Amino acid sequence: MQYYHYKELMGSKVVSTKLTEEEYGKLVGLCSASGYTVSKLLKRAILERMSDDVSREQTISPKPVIKEPEVVQTSQAKNTNQSVDKFRYY
């Protein structure tokens, strides 16, 4: 998923959601405690979340090492029956 930096967008877009009275009251209380307006707090939260998601996507995780199978030739059995070459795959 690719996010665009908000300065790269042409113009501004509006994002909205509906909250219950209780949820809105908590949001306004949070804004008052942090010194942000509702709009600034939501914008900051959204941009931080997008930044965190991009950081996680860019983290390089080690790729698993896949070993090619080894072919080991066993010595021929010496007995009265005919000997057969055998191979083991690991």
PDB file of N, CA and C in Angstrom:
ATOM      1  N   MET A   1       0.847  -1.169   0.000  1.00  0.00           N
ATOM      2  CA  MET A   1       0.000   0.000   0.000  1.00  0.00           C
ATOM      3  C   MET A   1       0.892   1.231   0.000  1.00  0.00           C
ATOM      4  N   GLN A   2       0.561   2.196  -0.825  1.00  0.00           N
ATOM      5  CA  GLN A   2       1.385   3.390  -0.925  1.00  0.00           C
ATOM      6  C   GLN A   2       0.560   4.598  -0.493  1.00  0.00           C
ATOM      7  N   TYR A   3       1.181   5.406   0.364  1.00  0.00           N
ATOM      8  CA  TYR A   3       0.534   6.620   0.819  1.00  0.00           C
ATOM      9  C   TYR A   3       1.250   7.811   0.209  1.00  0.00           C
ATOM     10  N   TYR A   4       0.528   8.872  -0.011  1.00  0.00           N
ATOM     11  CA  TYR A   4       1.107  10.078  -0.546  1.00  0.00           C
ATOM     12  C   TYR A   4       1.244  11.082   0.575  1.00  0.00           C
ATOM     13  N   HIS A   5       2.341  11.795   0.578  1.00  0.00           N
ATOM     14  CA  HIS A   5       2.540  12.835   1.577  1.00  0.00           C
ATOM     15  C   HIS A   5       1.492  13.906   1.331  1.00  0.00           C
ATOM     16  N   TYR A   6       0.928  14.436   2.386  1.00  0.00           N
ATOM     17  CA  TYR A   6      -0.197  15.354   2.214  1.00  0.00           C
ATOM     18  C   TYR A   6       0.177  16.601   1.437  1.00  0.00           C
ATOM     19  N   LYS A   7       1.443  16.993   1.406  1.00  0.00           N
ATOM     20  CA  LYS A   7       1.856  18.169   0.635  1.00  0.00           C
ATOM     21  C   LYS A   7       1.891  17.864  -0.862  1.00  0.00           C
ATOM     22  N   GLU A   8       1.953  16.585  -1.228  1.00  0.00           N
ATOM     23  CA  GLU A   8       2.006  16.200  -2.630  1.00  0.00           C
ATOM     24  C   GLU A   8       0.615  16.191  -3.272  1.00  0.00           C
ATOM     25  N   LEU A   9      -0.430  16.188  -2.458  1.00  0.00           N
ATOM     26  CA  LEU A   9      -1.782  16.147  -3.007  1.00  0.00           C
ATOM     27  C   LEU A   9      -2.151  17.500  -3.586  1.00  0.00           C
ATOM     28  N   MET A  10      -2.890  17.461  -4.660  1.00  0.00           N
ATOM     29  CA  MET A  10      -3.376  18.696  -5.262  1.00  0.00           C
ATOM     30  C   MET A  10      -4.654  19.085  -4.533  1.00  0.00           C
ATOM     31  N   GLY A  11      -4.612  20.140  -3.750  1.00  0.00           N
ATOM     32  CA  GLY A  11      -5.792  20.578  -3.019  1.00  0.00           C
ATOM     33  C   GLY A  11      -5.982  19.783  -1.741  1.00  0.00           C
ATOM     34  N   SER A  12      -7.062  20.067  -1.058  1.00  0.00           N
ATOM     35  CA  SER A  12      -7.369  19.390   0.196  1.00  0.00           C
ATOM     36  C   SER A  12      -8.619  18.545   0.039  1.00  0.00           C
ATOM     37  N   LYS A  13      -8.690  17.502   0.796  1.00  0.00           N
ATOM     38  CA  LYS A  13      -9.853  16.625   0.808  1.00  0.00           C
ATOM     39  C   LYS A  13     -10.415  16.600   2.222  1.00  0.00           C
ATOM     40  N   VAL A  14     -11.679  16.374   2.330  1.00  0.00           N
ATOM     41  CA  VAL A  14     -12.352  16.305   3.623  1.00  0.00           C
ATOM     42  C   VAL A  14     -12.606  14.843   3.961  1.00  0.00           C
ATOM     43  N   VAL A  15     -12.295  14.481   5.199  1.00  0.00           N
ATOM     44  CA  VAL A  15     -12.568  13.144   5.708  1.00  0.00           C
ATOM     45  C   VAL A  15     -13.542  13.312   6.860  1.00  0.00           C
ATOM     46  N   SER A  16     -14.600  12.513   6.878  1.00  0.00           N
ATOM     47  CA  SER A  16     -15.565  12.658   7.962  1.00  0.00           C
ATOM     48  C   SER A  16     -15.971  11.306   8.504  1.00  0.00           C
ATOM     49  N   THR A  17     -16.502  11.322   9.717  1.00  0.00           N
ATOM     50  CA  THR A  17     -17.030  10.123  10.345  1.00  0.00           C
ATOM     51  C   THR A  17     -18.127  10.546  11.308  1.00  0.00           C
ATOM     52  N   LYS A  18     -18.923   9.618  11.696  1.00  0.00           N
ATOM     53  CA  LYS A  18     -19.970   9.901  12.671  1.00  0.00           C
ATOM     54  C   LYS A  18     -19.570   9.308  14.002  1.00  0.00           C
ATOM     55  N   LEU A  19     -19.804  10.054  15.064  1.00  0.00           N
ATOM     56  CA  LEU A  19     -19.515   9.613  16.421  1.00  0.00           C
ATOM     57  C   LEU A  19     -20.783   9.745  17.257  1.00  0.00           C
ATOM     58  N   THR A  20     -20.894   8.879  18.244  1.00  0.00           N
ATOM     59  CA  THR A  20     -22.002   9.038  19.185  1.00  0.00           C
ATOM     60  C   THR A  20     -21.718  10.256  20.055  1.00  0.00           C
ATOM     61  N   GLU A  21     -22.707  10.710  20.787  1.00  0.00           N
ATOM     62  CA  GLU A  21     -22.513  11.847  21.699  1.00  0.00           C
ATOM     63  C   GLU A  21     -21.406  11.546  22.703  1.00  0.00           C
ATOM     64  N   GLU A  22     -21.398  10.318  23.201  1.00  0.00           N
ATOM     65  CA  GLU A  22     -20.373   9.916  24.181  1.00  0.00           C
ATOM     66  C   GLU A  22     -18.972   9.937  23.558  1.00  0.00           C
ATOM     67  N   GLU A  23     -18.833   9.379  22.346  1.00  0.00           N
ATOM     68  CA  GLU A  23     -17.541   9.373  21.668  1.00  0.00           C
ATOM     69  C   GLU A  23     -17.063  10.785  21.371  1.00  0.00           C
ATOM     70  N   TYR A  24     -17.990  11.640  20.927  1.00  0.00           N
ATOM     71  CA  TYR A  24     -17.622  13.022  20.618  1.00  0.00           C
ATOM     72  C   TYR A  24     -17.192  13.766  21.883  1.00  0.00           C
ATOM     73  N   GLY A  25     -17.882  13.522  22.966  1.00  0.00           N
ATOM     74  CA  GLY A  25     -17.510  14.143  24.245  1.00  0.00           C
ATOM     75  C   GLY A  25     -16.098  13.743  24.663  1.00  0.00           C
ATOM     76  N   LYS A  26     -15.767  12.470  24.503  1.00  0.00           N
ATOM     77  CA  LYS A  26     -14.412  12.001  24.830  1.00  0.00           C
ATOM     78  C   LYS A  26     -13.381  12.649  23.917  1.00  0.00           C
ATOM     79  N   LEU A  27     -13.724  12.791  22.643  1.00  0.00           N
ATOM     80  CA  LEU A  27     -12.811  13.417  21.683  1.00  0.00           C
ATOM     81  C   LEU A  27     -12.558  14.874  22.051  1.00  0.00           C
ATOM     82  N   VAL A  28     -13.602  15.603  22.375  1.00  0.00           N
ATOM     83  CA  VAL A  28     -13.453  17.004  22.759  1.00  0.00           C
ATOM     84  C   VAL A  28     -12.631  17.115  24.042  1.00  0.00           C
ATOM     85  N   GLY A  29     -12.848  16.210  24.985  1.00  0.00           N
ATOM     86  CA  GLY A  29     -12.059  16.198  26.217  1.00  0.00           C
ATOM     87  C   GLY A  29     -10.589  15.938  25.938  1.00  0.00           C
ATOM     88  N   LEU A  30     -10.317  15.015  25.051  1.00  0.00           N
ATOM     89  CA  LEU A  30      -8.939  14.709  24.667  1.00  0.00           C
ATOM     90  C   LEU A  30      -8.287  15.917  24.004  1.00  0.00           C
ATOM     91  N   CYS A  31      -9.040  16.588  23.146  1.00  0.00           N
ATOM     92  CA  CYS A  31      -8.524  17.780  22.471  1.00  0.00           C
ATOM     93  C   CYS A  31      -8.212  18.879  23.481  1.00  0.00           C
ATOM     94  N   SER A  32      -9.105  19.078  24.434  1.00  0.00           N
ATOM     95  CA  SER A  32      -8.883  20.105  25.458  1.00  0.00           C
ATOM     96  C   SER A  32      -7.635  19.796  26.272  1.00  0.00           C
ATOM     97  N   ALA A  33      -7.451  18.535  26.621  1.00  0.00           N
ATOM     98  CA  ALA A  33      -6.301  18.142  27.435  1.00  0.00           C
ATOM     99  C   ALA A  33      -4.986  18.270  26.670  1.00  0.00           C
ATOM    100  N   SER A  34      -5.028  18.066  25.348  1.00  0.00           N
ATOM    101  CA  SER A  34      -3.797  18.096  24.563  1.00  0.00           C
ATOM    102  C   SER A  34      -3.522  19.454  23.927  1.00  0.00           C
ATOM    103  N   GLY A  35      -4.511  20.348  23.932  1.00  0.00           N
ATOM    104  CA  GLY A  35      -4.313  21.670  23.357  1.00  0.00           C
ATOM    105  C   GLY A  35      -4.494  21.737  21.846  1.00  0.00           C
ATOM    106  N   TYR A  36      -5.114  20.731  21.281  1.00  0.00           N
ATOM    107  CA  TYR A  36      -5.370  20.696  19.835  1.00  0.00           C
ATOM    108  C   TYR A  36      -6.840  20.939  19.568  1.00  0.00           C
ATOM    109  N   THR A  37      -7.133  21.415  18.362  1.00  0.00           N
ATOM    110  CA  THR A  37      -8.521  21.435  17.905  1.00  0.00           C
ATOM    111  C   THR A  37      -8.853  20.017  17.457  1.00  0.00           C
ATOM    112  N   VAL A  38     -10.138  19.739  17.298  1.00  0.00           N
ATOM    113  CA  VAL A  38     -10.552  18.411  16.834  1.00  0.00           C
ATOM    114  C   VAL A  38      -9.899  18.109  15.487  1.00  0.00           C
ATOM    115  N   SER A  39      -9.937  19.070  14.596  1.00  0.00           N
ATOM    116  CA  SER A  39      -9.382  18.880  13.259  1.00  0.00           C
ATOM    117  C   SER A  39      -7.879  18.591  13.311  1.00  0.00           C
ATOM    118  N   LYS A  40      -7.135  19.383  14.084  1.00  0.00           N
ATOM    119  CA  LYS A  40      -5.678  19.185  14.157  1.00  0.00           C
ATOM    120  C   LYS A  40      -5.328  17.847  14.801  1.00  0.00           C
ATOM    121  N   LEU A  41      -6.068  17.463  15.838  1.00  0.00           N
ATOM    122  CA  LEU A  41      -5.795  16.189  16.509  1.00  0.00           C
ATOM    123  C   LEU A  41      -6.042  15.021  15.570  1.00  0.00           C
ATOM    124  N   LEU A  42      -7.157  15.057  14.838  1.00  0.00           N
ATOM    125  CA  LEU A  42      -7.467  13.967  13.911  1.00  0.00           C
ATOM    126  C   LEU A  42      -6.463  13.901  12.769  1.00  0.00           C
ATOM    127  N   LYS A  43      -6.089  15.043  12.225  1.00  0.00           N
ATOM    128  CA  LYS A  43      -5.108  15.071  11.140  1.00  0.00           C
ATOM    129  C   LYS A  43      -3.774  14.505  11.610  1.00  0.00           C
ATOM    130  N   ARG A  44      -3.344  14.917  12.785  1.00  0.00           N
ATOM    131  CA  ARG A  44      -2.084  14.419  13.334  1.00  0.00           C
ATOM    132  C   ARG A  44      -2.133  12.902  13.529  1.00  0.00           C
ATOM    133  N   ALA A  45      -3.235  12.411  14.078  1.00  0.00           N
ATOM    134  CA  ALA A  45      -3.375  10.971  14.311  1.00  0.00           C
ATOM    135  C   ALA A  45      -3.346  10.191  13.002  1.00  0.00           C
ATOM    136  N   ILE A  46      -4.041  10.700  12.000  1.00  0.00           N
ATOM    137  CA  ILE A  46      -4.079  10.012  10.699  1.00  0.00           C
ATOM    138  C   ILE A  46      -2.699   9.986  10.051  1.00  0.00           C
ATOM    139  N   LEU A  47      -2.010  11.128  10.042  1.00  0.00           N
ATOM    140  CA  LEU A  47      -0.685  11.190   9.413  1.00  0.00           C
ATOM    141  C   LEU A  47       0.333  10.329  10.150  1.00  0.00           C
ATOM    142  N   GLU A  48       0.255  10.288  11.486  1.00  0.00           N
ATOM    143  CA  GLU A  48       1.168   9.428  12.245  1.00  0.00           C
ATOM    144  C   GLU A  48       0.919   7.968  11.918  1.00  0.00           C
ATOM    145  N   ARG A  49      -0.338   7.591  11.803  1.00  0.00           N
ATOM    146  CA  ARG A  49      -0.671   6.201  11.483  1.00  0.00           C
ATOM    147  C   ARG A  49      -0.178   5.819  10.097  1.00  0.00           C
ATOM    148  N   MET A  50      -0.343   6.706   9.134  1.00  0.00           N
ATOM    149  CA  MET A  50       0.145   6.426   7.781  1.00  0.00           C
ATOM    150  C   MET A  50       1.664   6.322   7.771  1.00  0.00           C
ATOM    151  N   SER A  51       2.334   7.159   8.530  1.00  0.00           N
ATOM    152  CA  SER A  51       3.792   7.120   8.618  1.00  0.00           C
ATOM    153  C   SER A  51       4.258   5.812   9.237  1.00  0.00           C
ATOM    154  N   ASP A  52       3.561   5.353  10.275  1.00  0.00           N
ATOM    155  CA  ASP A  52       3.902   4.080  10.919  1.00  0.00           C
ATOM    156  C   ASP A  52       3.727   2.916   9.958  1.00  0.00           C
ATOM    157  N   ASP A  53       2.637   2.925   9.178  1.00  0.00           N
ATOM    158  CA  ASP A  53       2.389   1.844   8.219  1.00  0.00           C
ATOM    159  C   ASP A  53       3.455   1.802   7.134  1.00  0.00           C
ATOM    160  N   VAL A  54       3.874   2.955   6.639  1.00  0.00           N
ATOM    161  CA  VAL A  54       4.911   3.018   5.609  1.00  0.00           C
ATOM    162  C   VAL A  54       6.236   2.522   6.184  1.00  0.00           C
ATOM    163  N   SER A  55       6.531   2.899   7.426  1.00  0.00           N
ATOM    164  CA  SER A  55       7.780   2.453   8.061  1.00  0.00           C
ATOM    165  C   SER A  55       7.809   0.942   8.175  1.00  0.00           C
ATOM    166  N   ARG A  56       6.684   0.347   8.548  1.00  0.00           N
ATOM    167  CA  ARG A  56       6.638  -1.111   8.673  1.00  0.00           C
ATOM    168  C   ARG A  56       6.815  -1.788   7.320  1.00  0.00           C
ATOM    169  N   GLU A  57       6.246  -1.205   6.274  1.00  0.00           N
ATOM    170  CA  GLU A  57       6.380  -1.786   4.936  1.00  0.00           C
ATOM    171  C   GLU A  57       7.809  -1.697   4.428  1.00  0.00           C
ATOM    172  N   GLN A  58       8.533  -0.662   4.840  1.00  0.00           N
ATOM    173  CA  GLN A  58       9.890  -0.472   4.354  1.00  0.00           C
ATOM    174  C   GLN A  58      10.919  -1.246   5.160  1.00  0.00           C
ATOM    175  N   THR A  59      10.507  -1.798   6.285  1.00  0.00           N
ATOM    176  CA  THR A  59      11.417  -2.604   7.093  1.00  0.00           C
ATOM    177  C   THR A  59      11.721  -3.878   6.323  1.00  0.00           C
ATOM    178  N   ILE A  60      12.989  -4.123   6.134  1.00  0.00           N
ATOM    179  CA  ILE A  60      13.398  -5.297   5.366  1.00  0.00           C
ATOM    180  C   ILE A  60      13.494  -6.475   6.318  1.00  0.00           C
ATOM    181  N   SER A  61      12.694  -7.474   6.053  1.00  0.00           N
ATOM    182  CA  SER A  61      12.774  -8.678   6.866  1.00  0.00           C
ATOM    183  C   SER A  61      13.685  -9.667   6.155  1.00  0.00           C
ATOM    184  N   PRO A  62      14.466 -10.398   6.930  1.00  0.00           N
ATOM    185  CA  PRO A  62      15.382 -11.341   6.289  1.00  0.00           C
ATOM    186  C   PRO A  62      14.613 -12.409   5.518  1.00  0.00           C
ATOM    187  N   LYS A  63      15.105 -12.684   4.333  1.00  0.00           N
ATOM    188  CA  LYS A  63      14.463 -13.697   3.513  1.00  0.00           C
ATOM    189  C   LYS A  63      14.971 -15.073   3.945  1.00  0.00           C
ATOM    190  N   PRO A  64      14.105 -16.067   3.954  1.00  0.00           N
ATOM    191  CA  PRO A  64      14.555 -17.399   4.344  1.00  0.00           C
ATOM    192  C   PRO A  64      15.555 -17.958   3.336  1.00  0.00           C
ATOM    193  N   VAL A  65      16.540 -18.640   3.852  1.00  0.00           N
ATOM    194  CA  VAL A  65      17.550 -19.242   2.991  1.00  0.00           C
ATOM    195  C   VAL A  65      17.062 -20.627   2.592  1.00  0.00           C
ATOM    196  N   ILE A  66      16.988 -20.854   1.309  1.00  0.00           N
ATOM    197  CA  ILE A  66      16.555 -22.153   0.803  1.00  0.00           C
ATOM    198  C   ILE A  66      17.776 -22.857   0.245  1.00  0.00           C
ATOM    199  N   LYS A  67      18.100 -23.974   0.843  1.00  0.00           N
ATOM    200  CA  LYS A  67      19.272 -24.727   0.409  1.00  0.00           C
ATOM    201  C   LYS A  67      18.875 -25.691  -0.699  1.00  0.00           C
ATOM    202  N   GLU A  68      19.768 -25.799  -1.657  1.00  0.00           N
ATOM    203  CA  GLU A  68      19.559 -26.770  -2.725  1.00  0.00           C
ATOM    204  C   GLU A  68      19.804 -28.160  -2.153  1.00  0.00           C
ATOM    205  N   PRO A  69      19.069 -29.155  -2.616  1.00  0.00           N
ATOM    206  CA  PRO A  69      19.278 -30.504  -2.099  1.00  0.00           C
ATOM    207  C   PRO A  69      20.672 -31.015  -2.469  1.00  0.00           C
ATOM    208  N   GLU A  70      21.292 -31.688  -1.518  1.00  0.00           N
ATOM    209  CA  GLU A  70      22.613 -32.265  -1.766  1.00  0.00           C
ATOM    210  C   GLU A  70      22.440 -33.692  -2.267  1.00  0.00           C
ATOM    211  N   VAL A  71      23.263 -34.053  -3.205  1.00  0.00           N
ATOM    212  CA  VAL A  71      23.248 -35.422  -3.711  1.00  0.00           C
ATOM    213  C   VAL A  71      24.485 -36.108  -3.157  1.00  0.00           C
ATOM    214  N   VAL A  72      24.253 -37.135  -2.396  1.00  0.00           N
ATOM    215  CA  VAL A  72      25.358 -37.878  -1.793  1.00  0.00           C
ATOM    216  C   VAL A  72      25.331 -39.290  -2.366  1.00  0.00           C
ATOM    217  N   GLN A  73      26.428 -39.658  -2.983  1.00  0.00           N
ATOM    218  CA  GLN A  73      26.489 -40.999  -3.576  1.00  0.00           C
ATOM    219  C   GLN A  73      27.006 -41.953  -2.512  1.00  0.00           C
ATOM    220  N   THR A  74      26.293 -43.038  -2.314  1.00  0.00           N
ATOM    221  CA  THR A  74      26.731 -44.035  -1.347  1.00  0.00           C
ATOM    222  C   THR A  74      27.572 -45.078  -2.067  1.00  0.00           C
ATOM    223  N   SER A  75      28.401 -45.706  -1.308  1.00  0.00           N
ATOM    224  CA  SER A  75      29.253 -46.732  -1.917  1.00  0.00           C
ATOM    225  C   SER A  75      28.397 -47.928  -2.329  1.00  0.00           C
ATOM    226  N   GLN A  76      28.876 -48.609  -3.334  1.00  0.00           N
ATOM    227  CA  GLN A  76      28.130 -49.758  -3.837  1.00  0.00           C
ATOM    228  C   GLN A  76      28.236 -50.904  -2.844  1.00  0.00           C
ATOM    229  N   ALA A  77      27.123 -51.560  -2.688  1.00  0.00           N
ATOM    230  CA  ALA A  77      27.114 -52.707  -1.779  1.00  0.00           C
ATOM    231  C   ALA A  77      27.787 -53.879  -2.483  1.00  0.00           C
ATOM    232  N   LYS A  78      28.656 -54.517  -1.764  1.00  0.00           N
ATOM    233  CA  LYS A  78      29.348 -55.684  -2.329  1.00  0.00           C
ATOM    234  C   LYS A  78      28.728 -56.931  -1.723  1.00  0.00           C
ATOM    235  N   ASN A  79      27.883 -57.524  -2.490  1.00  0.00           N
ATOM    236  CA  ASN A  79      27.310 -58.791  -2.050  1.00  0.00           C
ATOM    237  C   ASN A  79      27.071 -59.644  -3.290  1.00  0.00           C
ATOM    238  N   THR A  80      26.444 -60.723  -3.083  1.00  0.00           N
ATOM    239  CA  THR A  80      26.251 -61.636  -4.201  1.00  0.00           C
ATOM    240  C   THR A  80      25.223 -61.121  -5.199  1.00  0.00           C
ATOM    241  N   ASN A  81      24.322 -60.275  -4.727  1.00  0.00           N
ATOM    242  CA  ASN A  81      23.338 -59.686  -5.639  1.00  0.00           C
ATOM    243  C   ASN A  81      24.013 -58.585  -6.446  1.00  0.00           C
ATOM    244  N   GLN A  82      23.347 -58.130  -7.496  1.00  0.00           N
ATOM    245  CA  GLN A  82      23.909 -57.048  -8.289  1.00  0.00           C
ATOM    246  C   GLN A  82      23.911 -55.767  -7.463  1.00  0.00           C
ATOM    247  N   SER A  83      24.966 -54.978  -7.589  1.00  0.00           N
ATOM    248  CA  SER A  83      25.048 -53.727  -6.834  1.00  0.00           C
ATOM    249  C   SER A  83      24.303 -52.627  -7.587  1.00  0.00           C
ATOM    250  N   VAL A  84      23.743 -51.710  -6.829  1.00  0.00           N
ATOM    251  CA  VAL A  84      22.979 -50.619  -7.414  1.00  0.00           C
ATOM    252  C   VAL A  84      23.480 -49.318  -6.796  1.00  0.00           C
ATOM    253  N   ASP A  85      23.752 -48.323  -7.655  1.00  0.00           N
ATOM    254  CA  ASP A  85      24.127 -47.009  -7.126  1.00  0.00           C
ATOM    255  C   ASP A  85      22.892 -46.379  -6.495  1.00  0.00           C
ATOM    256  N   LYS A  86      23.071 -45.794  -5.311  1.00  0.00           N
ATOM    257  CA  LYS A  86      21.958 -45.165  -4.615  1.00  0.00           C
ATOM    258  C   LYS A  86      22.315 -43.711  -4.333  1.00  0.00           C
ATOM    259  N   PHE A  87      21.317 -42.863  -4.346  1.00  0.00           N
ATOM    260  CA  PHE A  87      21.510 -41.460  -4.039  1.00  0.00           C
ATOM    261  C   PHE A  87      20.575 -41.087  -2.894  1.00  0.00           C
ATOM    262  N   ARG A  88      21.084 -40.233  -2.021  1.00  0.00           N
ATOM    263  CA  ARG A  88      20.279 -39.715  -0.934  1.00  0.00           C
ATOM    264  C   ARG A  88      20.063 -38.233  -1.164  1.00  0.00           C
ATOM    265  N   TYR A  89      18.856 -37.786  -0.928  1.00  0.00           N
ATOM    266  CA  TYR A  89      18.542 -36.366  -1.054  1.00  0.00           C
ATOM    267  C   TYR A  89      18.221 -35.818   0.331  1.00  0.00           C
ATOM    268  N   TYR A  90      18.903 -34.740   0.659  1.00  0.00           N
ATOM    269  CA  TYR A  90      18.677 -34.106   1.974  1.00  0.00           C
ATOM    270  C   TYR A  90      17.957 -32.817   1.801  1.00  0.00           C
TER     271      TYR A  90
END
